[in-house]
Amino acid sequence: MVTEWSPELTLNHDVLDPEHVNVFRLLDEVTRAADSAPGELRRRLSEFVDALVAHLRNEERVMDEASYPDRAKHRTSHDLLVSDVLLLQADLEAQGPTPRIVEAVKTRVPEWLRFHTRVNDGPLGEFLARHGPNPTPEDDPTRRPEGARRRS
């Protein structure tokens, strides 16, 4: 099932991996609640959104601390997801569980999360494995001390 976390999504990061597992678990609960009473779907979606936003903040902190070179693009991807999910949440509040909202909860959001974890978070995990949480100034020119030169 697309809402289930699976081992190929592992980043080998002590903070991000458990958060990914939790976000996928909560999303699975959202998709199951899509066929329940509207109040249950609202509650589950709210829990998912809160966990997702907290996770993305942590992931952005990790990227900043490691001076991950693709962090601006990665952050833009987060911004788009959060905007989409918050709009979906507002639509659910205003309209109830319409077929469009239920379809988005069951299909679009899970597909996006899985895609993002593989395509965006995978390279982040590889970068962290190679450079550690805080690359040396030689590894990242943006962190080089003022006046320092790269060795040839």
N, C-alpha and C. Protein backbone atom coordinates (compact mmCIF):
# COMPACT_ATOMS: atom_id res chain seq x y z
N MET A 1 0.85 -1.19 0.00
CA MET A 1 0.00 0.00 0.00
C MET A 1 0.89 1.24 0.00
N VAL A 2 0.46 2.27 -0.70
CA VAL A 2 1.27 3.47 -0.88
C VAL A 2 1.44 4.28 0.41
N THR A 3 0.58 4.09 1.39
CA THR A 3 0.71 4.85 2.64
C THR A 3 1.64 4.19 3.64
N GLU A 4 2.11 3.01 3.34
CA GLU A 4 2.98 2.32 4.28
C GLU A 4 4.44 2.68 4.03
N TRP A 5 5.15 2.94 5.10
CA TRP A 5 6.59 3.15 5.01
C TRP A 5 7.21 1.81 4.67
N SER A 6 8.27 1.83 3.89
CA SER A 6 8.96 0.59 3.56
C SER A 6 10.47 0.80 3.64
N PRO A 7 11.21 -0.27 3.83
CA PRO A 7 12.65 -0.15 4.07
C PRO A 7 13.44 0.60 3.00
N GLU A 8 13.00 0.58 1.75
CA GLU A 8 13.77 1.31 0.72
C GLU A 8 13.72 2.83 0.92
N LEU A 9 12.89 3.29 1.84
CA LEU A 9 12.80 4.72 2.14
C LEU A 9 13.74 5.12 3.28
N THR A 10 14.50 4.19 3.80
CA THR A 10 15.42 4.46 4.91
C THR A 10 16.53 5.41 4.49
N LEU A 11 16.80 6.40 5.34
CA LEU A 11 17.88 7.34 5.12
C LEU A 11 19.09 7.02 5.99
N ASN A 12 18.92 6.11 6.93
CA ASN A 12 19.96 5.80 7.92
C ASN A 12 20.31 7.02 8.76
N HIS A 13 19.27 7.72 9.18
CA HIS A 13 19.43 8.89 10.04
C HIS A 13 18.59 8.68 11.29
N ASP A 14 19.22 8.84 12.45
CA ASP A 14 18.57 8.52 13.73
C ASP A 14 17.34 9.37 14.04
N VAL A 15 17.25 10.57 13.50
CA VAL A 15 16.11 11.44 13.75
C VAL A 15 15.07 11.32 12.64
N LEU A 16 15.51 11.40 11.40
CA LEU A 16 14.58 11.47 10.28
C LEU A 16 13.86 10.15 10.01
N ASP A 17 14.54 9.02 10.14
CA ASP A 17 13.88 7.74 9.85
C ASP A 17 12.69 7.47 10.78
N PRO A 18 12.83 7.59 12.10
CA PRO A 18 11.65 7.36 12.95
C PRO A 18 10.52 8.35 12.66
N GLU A 19 10.87 9.58 12.32
CA GLU A 19 9.83 10.55 11.97
C GLU A 19 9.12 10.15 10.68
N HIS A 20 9.87 9.66 9.70
CA HIS A 20 9.24 9.20 8.46
C HIS A 20 8.27 8.06 8.75
N VAL A 21 8.69 7.11 9.55
CA VAL A 21 7.82 5.98 9.90
C VAL A 21 6.53 6.51 10.53
N ASN A 22 6.65 7.45 11.45
CA ASN A 22 5.48 8.00 12.12
C ASN A 22 4.57 8.76 11.16
N VAL A 23 5.14 9.57 10.28
CA VAL A 23 4.34 10.34 9.32
C VAL A 23 3.57 9.39 8.39
N PHE A 24 4.24 8.34 7.92
CA PHE A 24 3.55 7.36 7.07
C PHE A 24 2.45 6.63 7.85
N ARG A 25 2.70 6.32 9.11
CA ARG A 25 1.68 5.65 9.94
C ARG A 25 0.46 6.53 10.09
N LEU A 26 0.70 7.82 10.37
CA LEU A 26 -0.42 8.75 10.52
C LEU A 26 -1.17 8.94 9.21
N LEU A 27 -0.45 8.97 8.11
CA LEU A 27 -1.12 9.10 6.81
C LEU A 27 -1.98 7.87 6.53
N ASP A 28 -1.50 6.71 6.90
CA ASP A 28 -2.30 5.49 6.74
C ASP A 28 -3.60 5.60 7.54
N GLU A 29 -3.51 6.16 8.74
CA GLU A 29 -4.71 6.36 9.56
C GLU A 29 -5.67 7.36 8.90
N VAL A 30 -5.12 8.37 8.24
CA VAL A 30 -5.96 9.35 7.52
C VAL A 30 -6.70 8.65 6.40
N THR A 31 -5.99 7.84 5.62
CA THR A 31 -6.65 7.19 4.48
C THR A 31 -7.75 6.23 4.94
N ARG A 32 -7.51 5.56 6.06
CA ARG A 32 -8.55 4.67 6.58
C ARG A 32 -9.74 5.45 7.12
N ALA A 33 -9.47 6.64 7.67
CA ALA A 33 -10.55 7.48 8.21
C ALA A 33 -11.35 8.16 7.10
N ALA A 34 -10.85 8.15 5.88
CA ALA A 34 -11.55 8.81 4.77
C ALA A 34 -12.93 8.19 4.54
N ASP A 35 -13.10 6.94 4.91
CA ASP A 35 -14.39 6.27 4.75
C ASP A 35 -15.19 6.26 6.04
N SER A 36 -14.71 6.98 7.05
CA SER A 36 -15.39 7.04 8.34
C SER A 36 -16.22 8.31 8.44
N ALA A 37 -16.64 8.61 9.64
CA ALA A 37 -17.39 9.83 9.90
C ALA A 37 -16.49 11.04 9.62
N PRO A 38 -17.07 12.15 9.13
CA PRO A 38 -16.27 13.34 8.82
C PRO A 38 -15.41 13.83 9.99
N GLY A 39 -15.92 13.72 11.20
CA GLY A 39 -15.15 14.17 12.36
C GLY A 39 -13.87 13.36 12.56
N GLU A 40 -13.94 12.08 12.28
CA GLU A 40 -12.76 11.21 12.41
C GLU A 40 -11.72 11.58 11.35
N LEU A 41 -12.16 11.83 10.14
CA LEU A 41 -11.23 12.24 9.08
C LEU A 41 -10.58 13.57 9.43
N ARG A 42 -11.36 14.53 9.93
CA ARG A 42 -10.79 15.82 10.33
C ARG A 42 -9.73 15.65 11.42
N ARG A 43 -10.05 14.83 12.42
CA ARG A 43 -9.11 14.61 13.53
C ARG A 43 -7.82 13.95 13.05
N ARG A 44 -7.95 12.92 12.25
CA ARG A 44 -6.77 12.20 11.74
C ARG A 44 -5.94 13.08 10.81
N LEU A 45 -6.59 13.86 9.96
CA LEU A 45 -5.86 14.75 9.07
C LEU A 45 -5.12 15.82 9.87
N SER A 46 -5.74 16.33 10.90
CA SER A 46 -5.10 17.33 11.75
C SER A 46 -3.84 16.75 12.43
N GLU A 47 -3.93 15.52 12.94
CA GLU A 47 -2.77 14.87 13.56
C GLU A 47 -1.65 14.69 12.53
N PHE A 48 -2.03 14.27 11.33
CA PHE A 48 -1.04 14.08 10.27
C PHE A 48 -0.36 15.40 9.91
N VAL A 49 -1.14 16.45 9.73
CA VAL A 49 -0.59 17.76 9.35
C VAL A 49 0.38 18.25 10.42
N ASP A 50 -0.02 18.14 11.70
CA ASP A 50 0.87 18.58 12.78
C ASP A 50 2.20 17.82 12.77
N ALA A 51 2.13 16.49 12.60
CA ALA A 51 3.35 15.67 12.58
C ALA A 51 4.18 15.97 11.34
N LEU A 52 3.52 16.17 10.21
CA LEU A 52 4.24 16.46 8.97
C LEU A 52 4.99 17.79 9.07
N VAL A 53 4.33 18.81 9.55
CA VAL A 53 4.96 20.13 9.68
C VAL A 53 6.14 20.06 10.65
N ALA A 54 5.97 19.38 11.77
CA ALA A 54 7.08 19.24 12.73
C ALA A 54 8.24 18.47 12.10
N HIS A 55 7.94 17.41 11.37
CA HIS A 55 8.99 16.63 10.72
C HIS A 55 9.74 17.48 9.69
N LEU A 56 9.01 18.22 8.87
CA LEU A 56 9.66 19.02 7.84
C LEU A 56 10.55 20.09 8.45
N ARG A 57 10.12 20.66 9.57
CA ARG A 57 10.99 21.62 10.28
C ARG A 57 12.28 20.96 10.74
N ASN A 58 12.16 19.77 11.30
CA ASN A 58 13.35 19.04 11.74
C ASN A 58 14.26 18.70 10.56
N GLU A 59 13.66 18.27 9.47
CA GLU A 59 14.44 17.93 8.30
C GLU A 59 15.18 19.17 7.76
N GLU A 60 14.51 20.31 7.76
CA GLU A 60 15.15 21.54 7.31
C GLU A 60 16.28 21.97 8.26
N ARG A 61 16.10 21.74 9.53
CA ARG A 61 17.16 22.02 10.50
C ARG A 61 18.37 21.15 10.23
N VAL A 62 18.14 19.86 9.97
CA VAL A 62 19.23 18.94 9.66
C VAL A 62 19.95 19.39 8.39
N MET A 63 19.17 19.78 7.38
CA MET A 63 19.79 20.25 6.12
C MET A 63 20.64 21.49 6.36
N ASP A 64 20.12 22.43 7.15
CA ASP A 64 20.87 23.66 7.44
C ASP A 64 22.15 23.36 8.21
N GLU A 65 22.04 22.52 9.23
CA GLU A 65 23.21 22.19 10.04
C GLU A 65 24.29 21.49 9.23
N ALA A 66 23.88 20.71 8.24
CA ALA A 66 24.83 19.98 7.41
C ALA A 66 25.25 20.77 6.18
N SER A 67 24.70 21.97 6.01
CA SER A 67 24.95 22.78 4.81
C SER A 67 24.68 21.97 3.54
N TYR A 68 23.55 21.30 3.54
CA TYR A 68 23.15 20.49 2.39
C TYR A 68 22.99 21.41 1.17
N PRO A 69 23.70 21.15 0.09
CA PRO A 69 23.71 22.10 -1.03
C PRO A 69 22.37 22.27 -1.74
N ASP A 70 21.50 21.27 -1.71
CA ASP A 70 20.19 21.38 -2.38
C ASP A 70 19.06 21.76 -1.43
N ARG A 71 19.41 22.36 -0.30
CA ARG A 71 18.39 22.63 0.70
C ARG A 71 17.35 23.64 0.26
N ALA A 72 17.69 24.62 -0.56
CA ALA A 72 16.69 25.61 -1.01
C ALA A 72 15.63 24.93 -1.86
N LYS A 73 16.06 24.10 -2.80
CA LYS A 73 15.11 23.37 -3.65
C LYS A 73 14.27 22.40 -2.81
N HIS A 74 14.91 21.74 -1.88
CA HIS A 74 14.23 20.78 -1.01
C HIS A 74 13.18 21.50 -0.16
N ARG A 75 13.55 22.66 0.37
CA ARG A 75 12.63 23.45 1.19
C ARG A 75 11.42 23.90 0.36
N THR A 76 11.64 24.25 -0.89
CA THR A 76 10.53 24.65 -1.78
C THR A 76 9.55 23.49 -1.93
N SER A 77 10.08 22.30 -2.05
CA SER A 77 9.23 21.11 -2.13
C SER A 77 8.39 20.97 -0.86
N HIS A 78 9.00 21.20 0.29
CA HIS A 78 8.25 21.15 1.55
C HIS A 78 7.16 22.21 1.57
N ASP A 79 7.50 23.41 1.16
CA ASP A 79 6.52 24.51 1.16
C ASP A 79 5.30 24.18 0.31
N LEU A 80 5.54 23.57 -0.85
CA LEU A 80 4.43 23.21 -1.73
C LEU A 80 3.55 22.15 -1.09
N LEU A 81 4.16 21.16 -0.47
CA LEU A 81 3.37 20.11 0.19
C LEU A 81 2.54 20.69 1.33
N VAL A 82 3.17 21.48 2.18
CA VAL A 82 2.44 22.04 3.33
C VAL A 82 1.29 22.90 2.85
N SER A 83 1.53 23.72 1.84
CA SER A 83 0.47 24.57 1.29
C SER A 83 -0.69 23.71 0.77
N ASP A 84 -0.36 22.65 0.05
CA ASP A 84 -1.38 21.76 -0.51
C ASP A 84 -2.18 21.07 0.59
N VAL A 85 -1.48 20.58 1.60
CA VAL A 85 -2.16 19.84 2.68
C VAL A 85 -3.01 20.79 3.53
N LEU A 86 -2.52 22.00 3.77
CA LEU A 86 -3.31 22.96 4.55
C LEU A 86 -4.57 23.38 3.78
N LEU A 87 -4.45 23.53 2.47
CA LEU A 87 -5.62 23.84 1.64
C LEU A 87 -6.61 22.68 1.68
N LEU A 88 -6.11 21.47 1.60
CA LEU A 88 -6.96 20.29 1.69
C LEU A 88 -7.68 20.26 3.03
N GLN A 89 -6.97 20.57 4.09
CA GLN A 89 -7.55 20.59 5.43
C GLN A 89 -8.64 21.67 5.53
N ALA A 90 -8.39 22.86 4.98
CA ALA A 90 -9.38 23.93 4.99
C ALA A 90 -10.61 23.54 4.16
N ASP A 91 -10.38 22.91 3.02
CA ASP A 91 -11.51 22.45 2.19
C ASP A 91 -12.34 21.41 2.93
N LEU A 92 -11.69 20.53 3.65
CA LEU A 92 -12.42 19.52 4.43
C LEU A 92 -13.28 20.19 5.48
N GLU A 93 -12.75 21.19 6.15
CA GLU A 93 -13.52 21.93 7.15
C GLU A 93 -14.73 22.62 6.52
N ALA A 94 -14.52 23.23 5.37
CA ALA A 94 -15.58 24.01 4.73
C ALA A 94 -16.61 23.15 4.01
N GLN A 95 -16.17 22.07 3.38
CA GLN A 95 -17.06 21.31 2.49
C GLN A 95 -17.39 19.91 2.97
N GLY A 96 -16.64 19.43 3.96
CA GLY A 96 -16.81 18.05 4.37
C GLY A 96 -16.05 17.14 3.41
N PRO A 97 -16.19 15.83 3.60
CA PRO A 97 -15.41 14.87 2.82
C PRO A 97 -15.98 14.65 1.40
N THR A 98 -15.79 15.61 0.54
CA THR A 98 -16.25 15.49 -0.85
C THR A 98 -15.43 14.40 -1.56
N PRO A 99 -15.93 13.88 -2.68
CA PRO A 99 -15.15 12.88 -3.42
C PRO A 99 -13.75 13.39 -3.81
N ARG A 100 -13.60 14.66 -4.16
CA ARG A 100 -12.29 15.22 -4.51
C ARG A 100 -11.35 15.18 -3.31
N ILE A 101 -11.85 15.54 -2.14
CA ILE A 101 -11.01 15.54 -0.93
C ILE A 101 -10.63 14.12 -0.54
N VAL A 102 -11.57 13.22 -0.58
CA VAL A 102 -11.30 11.82 -0.23
C VAL A 102 -10.27 11.24 -1.19
N GLU A 103 -10.42 11.53 -2.49
CA GLU A 103 -9.45 11.04 -3.48
C GLU A 103 -8.06 11.60 -3.20
N ALA A 104 -7.99 12.88 -2.87
CA ALA A 104 -6.70 13.50 -2.58
C ALA A 104 -6.04 12.87 -1.36
N VAL A 105 -6.84 12.61 -0.33
CA VAL A 105 -6.33 12.00 0.90
C VAL A 105 -5.85 10.57 0.65
N LYS A 106 -6.58 9.85 -0.18
CA LYS A 106 -6.24 8.44 -0.41
C LYS A 106 -5.16 8.25 -1.47
N THR A 107 -5.03 9.20 -2.39
CA THR A 107 -4.12 8.97 -3.51
C THR A 107 -3.03 10.04 -3.64
N ARG A 108 -3.42 11.29 -3.81
CA ARG A 108 -2.44 12.33 -4.11
C ARG A 108 -1.44 12.55 -2.97
N VAL A 109 -1.91 12.70 -1.76
CA VAL A 109 -1.00 12.96 -0.64
C VAL A 109 -0.07 11.77 -0.40
N PRO A 110 -0.58 10.53 -0.37
CA PRO A 110 0.35 9.40 -0.20
C PRO A 110 1.38 9.29 -1.33
N GLU A 111 0.94 9.49 -2.57
CA GLU A 111 1.89 9.41 -3.70
C GLU A 111 2.94 10.50 -3.58
N TRP A 112 2.52 11.70 -3.19
CA TRP A 112 3.49 12.80 -3.06
C TRP A 112 4.50 12.47 -1.96
N LEU A 113 4.03 12.01 -0.82
CA LEU A 113 4.93 11.74 0.31
C LEU A 113 5.94 10.65 -0.06
N ARG A 114 5.48 9.60 -0.69
CA ARG A 114 6.37 8.52 -1.09
C ARG A 114 7.39 9.02 -2.12
N PHE A 115 6.93 9.78 -3.12
CA PHE A 115 7.81 10.33 -4.13
C PHE A 115 8.85 11.24 -3.49
N HIS A 116 8.41 12.14 -2.62
CA HIS A 116 9.32 13.08 -1.98
C HIS A 116 10.38 12.34 -1.15
N THR A 117 9.96 11.34 -0.43
CA THR A 117 10.90 10.61 0.42
C THR A 117 11.96 9.91 -0.42
N ARG A 118 11.54 9.32 -1.55
CA ARG A 118 12.51 8.65 -2.42
C ARG A 118 13.39 9.64 -3.18
N VAL A 119 12.78 10.64 -3.81
CA VAL A 119 13.49 11.51 -4.76
C VAL A 119 14.23 12.66 -4.08
N ASN A 120 13.66 13.25 -3.03
CA ASN A 120 14.29 14.38 -2.36
C ASN A 120 15.06 13.96 -1.11
N ASP A 121 14.45 13.14 -0.29
CA ASP A 121 15.09 12.75 0.97
C ASP A 121 16.20 11.72 0.75
N GLY A 122 16.07 10.88 -0.26
CA GLY A 122 17.11 9.89 -0.55
C GLY A 122 18.47 10.54 -0.77
N PRO A 123 18.56 11.54 -1.67
CA PRO A 123 19.85 12.21 -1.85
C PRO A 123 20.33 12.92 -0.58
N LEU A 124 19.41 13.45 0.22
CA LEU A 124 19.81 14.05 1.49
C LEU A 124 20.46 12.99 2.38
N GLY A 125 19.86 11.82 2.47
CA GLY A 125 20.43 10.74 3.27
C GLY A 125 21.81 10.34 2.77
N GLU A 126 21.98 10.28 1.45
CA GLU A 126 23.30 9.96 0.88
C GLU A 126 24.32 11.04 1.23
N PHE A 127 23.92 12.31 1.14
CA PHE A 127 24.81 13.41 1.49
C PHE A 127 25.22 13.32 2.96
N LEU A 128 24.27 13.08 3.83
CA LEU A 128 24.57 13.00 5.26
C LEU A 128 25.50 11.82 5.56
N ALA A 129 25.32 10.72 4.84
CA ALA A 129 26.19 9.56 5.05
C ALA A 129 27.63 9.86 4.62
N ARG A 130 27.77 10.62 3.55
CA ARG A 130 29.11 10.95 3.04
C ARG A 130 29.79 12.04 3.85
N HIS A 131 29.03 13.05 4.26
CA HIS A 131 29.62 14.24 4.86
C HIS A 131 29.38 14.37 6.35
N GLY A 132 28.54 13.53 6.89
CA GLY A 132 28.22 13.67 8.31
C GLY A 132 27.31 14.86 8.53
N PRO A 133 26.91 15.10 9.73
CA PRO A 133 25.96 16.18 10.00
C PRO A 133 26.55 17.57 9.78
N ASN A 134 27.85 17.72 9.93
CA ASN A 134 28.47 19.03 9.78
C ASN A 134 29.73 18.90 8.93
N PRO A 135 29.61 19.12 7.61
CA PRO A 135 30.79 18.97 6.77
C PRO A 135 31.87 19.98 7.13
N THR A 136 33.10 19.61 6.86
CA THR A 136 34.20 20.53 7.11
C THR A 136 34.15 21.65 6.07
N PRO A 137 34.80 22.78 6.33
CA PRO A 137 34.81 23.88 5.37
C PRO A 137 35.33 23.45 4.00
N GLU A 138 36.24 22.48 3.95
CA GLU A 138 36.74 22.01 2.67
C GLU A 138 35.67 21.28 1.89
N ASP A 139 34.71 20.65 2.57
CA ASP A 139 33.65 19.92 1.91
C ASP A 139 32.58 20.86 1.34
N ASP A 140 32.41 22.00 1.96
CA ASP A 140 31.34 22.91 1.56
C ASP A 140 31.88 24.33 1.49
N PRO A 141 32.02 24.88 0.29
CA PRO A 141 32.60 26.21 0.16
C PRO A 141 31.78 27.29 0.84
N THR A 142 30.50 27.08 1.06
CA THR A 142 29.70 28.10 1.73
C THR A 142 30.00 28.18 3.21
N ARG A 143 30.71 27.17 3.75
CA ARG A 143 31.04 27.17 5.18
C ARG A 143 32.51 27.46 5.43
N ARG A 144 33.25 27.76 4.38
CA ARG A 144 34.67 28.04 4.53
C ARG A 144 34.87 29.33 5.32
N PRO A 145 35.79 29.35 6.27
CA PRO A 145 36.06 30.60 7.01
C PRO A 145 36.49 31.69 6.05
N GLU A 146 36.18 32.91 6.43
CA GLU A 146 36.55 34.08 5.63
C GLU A 146 38.03 34.04 5.28
N GLY A 147 38.34 34.20 4.00
CA GLY A 147 39.71 34.25 3.54
C GLY A 147 40.35 32.90 3.33
N ALA A 148 39.69 31.81 3.73
CA ALA A 148 40.27 30.48 3.56
C ALA A 148 40.15 30.07 2.10
N ARG A 149 41.12 29.33 1.62
CA ARG A 149 41.12 28.87 0.24
C ARG A 149 41.02 27.35 0.22
N ARG A 150 40.45 26.87 -0.82
CA ARG A 150 40.38 25.42 -1.02
C ARG A 150 41.74 24.91 -1.46
N ARG A 151 42.10 23.75 -0.90
CA ARG A 151 43.35 23.13 -1.31
C ARG A 151 43.22 22.57 -2.72
N SER A 152 44.27 22.71 -3.53
CA SER A 152 44.23 22.17 -4.90
C SER A 152 44.69 20.76 -4.95
